[in-house]
């Protein structure tokens, strides 16, 4: 379970980070 959670969290965090950065950049611009 910990392995699956870590994998899911990592993937989700990476995706969210990329999307967040793009959104933040667009909003700031």
N, C-alpha and C. Protein backbone atom coordinates (compact mmCIF):
# COMPACT_ATOMS: atom_id res chain seq x y z
N UNK A 1 0.84 -1.22 0.00
CA UNK A 1 0.00 0.00 0.00
C UNK A 1 0.88 1.27 0.00
N UNK A 2 1.89 1.31 0.84
CA UNK A 2 2.75 2.50 0.89
C UNK A 2 3.41 2.74 -0.47
N UNK A 3 3.79 1.65 -1.12
CA UNK A 3 4.44 1.79 -2.43
C UNK A 3 3.47 2.41 -3.44
N UNK A 4 2.26 1.89 -3.45
CA UNK A 4 1.25 2.39 -4.41
C UNK A 4 0.95 3.87 -4.09
N UNK A 5 0.79 4.17 -2.84
CA UNK A 5 0.47 5.56 -2.45
C UNK A 5 1.61 6.48 -2.87
N UNK A 6 2.83 6.03 -2.64
CA UNK A 6 3.97 6.88 -3.00
C UNK A 6 4.00 7.11 -4.52
N UNK A 7 3.74 6.04 -5.25
CA UNK A 7 3.77 6.14 -6.72
C UNK A 7 2.66 7.08 -7.19
N UNK A 8 1.49 6.92 -6.62
CA UNK A 8 0.34 7.75 -7.04
C UNK A 8 0.61 9.21 -6.63
N UNK A 9 1.10 9.40 -5.44
CA UNK A 9 1.34 10.76 -4.95
C UNK A 9 2.40 11.43 -5.83
N UNK A 10 3.45 10.69 -6.14
CA UNK A 10 4.53 11.25 -6.97
C UNK A 10 3.99 11.67 -8.33
N UNK A 11 3.25 10.78 -8.95
CA UNK A 11 2.72 11.07 -10.30
C UNK A 11 1.77 12.27 -10.22
N UNK A 12 0.89 12.24 -9.23
CA UNK A 12 -0.09 13.33 -9.10
C UNK A 12 0.63 14.64 -8.81
N UNK A 13 1.61 14.56 -7.93
CA UNK A 13 2.32 15.79 -7.55
C UNK A 13 3.06 16.35 -8.78
N UNK A 14 3.65 15.46 -9.55
CA UNK A 14 4.40 15.91 -10.74
C UNK A 14 3.43 16.57 -11.73
N UNK A 15 2.31 15.94 -11.94
CA UNK A 15 1.32 16.47 -12.89
C UNK A 15 0.77 17.80 -12.38
N UNK A 16 0.44 17.83 -11.11
CA UNK A 16 -0.12 19.06 -10.53
C UNK A 16 0.92 20.18 -10.59
N UNK A 17 2.15 19.83 -10.28
CA UNK A 17 3.20 20.85 -10.30
C UNK A 17 3.35 21.44 -11.69
N UNK A 18 3.37 20.59 -12.67
CA UNK A 18 3.54 21.07 -14.06
C UNK A 18 2.34 21.95 -14.43
N UNK A 19 1.17 21.51 -14.11
CA UNK A 19 -0.05 22.26 -14.47
C UNK A 19 -0.08 23.56 -13.66
N UNK A 20 0.28 23.46 -12.40
CA UNK A 20 0.25 24.65 -11.53
C UNK A 20 1.23 25.71 -12.06
N UNK A 21 2.39 25.25 -12.43
CA UNK A 21 3.42 26.19 -12.92
C UNK A 21 2.92 26.87 -14.19
N UNK A 22 2.32 26.10 -15.06
CA UNK A 22 1.83 26.66 -16.34
C UNK A 22 0.70 27.66 -16.04
N UNK A 23 -0.19 27.29 -15.16
CA UNK A 23 -1.32 28.16 -14.82
C UNK A 23 -0.81 29.43 -14.14
N UNK A 24 0.11 29.25 -13.21
CA UNK A 24 0.63 30.40 -12.46
C UNK A 24 1.34 31.35 -13.42
N UNK A 25 2.12 30.77 -14.33
CA UNK A 25 2.86 31.62 -15.28
C UNK A 25 1.88 32.40 -16.15
N UNK A 26 0.86 31.74 -16.62
CA UNK A 26 -0.12 32.40 -17.50
C UNK A 26 -0.84 33.50 -16.72
N UNK A 27 -1.18 33.22 -15.49
CA UNK A 27 -1.93 34.20 -14.68
C UNK A 27 -1.02 35.40 -14.37
N UNK A 28 0.24 35.12 -14.08
CA UNK A 28 1.16 36.21 -13.73
C UNK A 28 1.39 37.08 -14.97
N UNK A 29 1.47 36.45 -16.12
CA UNK A 29 1.73 37.19 -17.36
C UNK A 29 0.50 38.03 -17.67
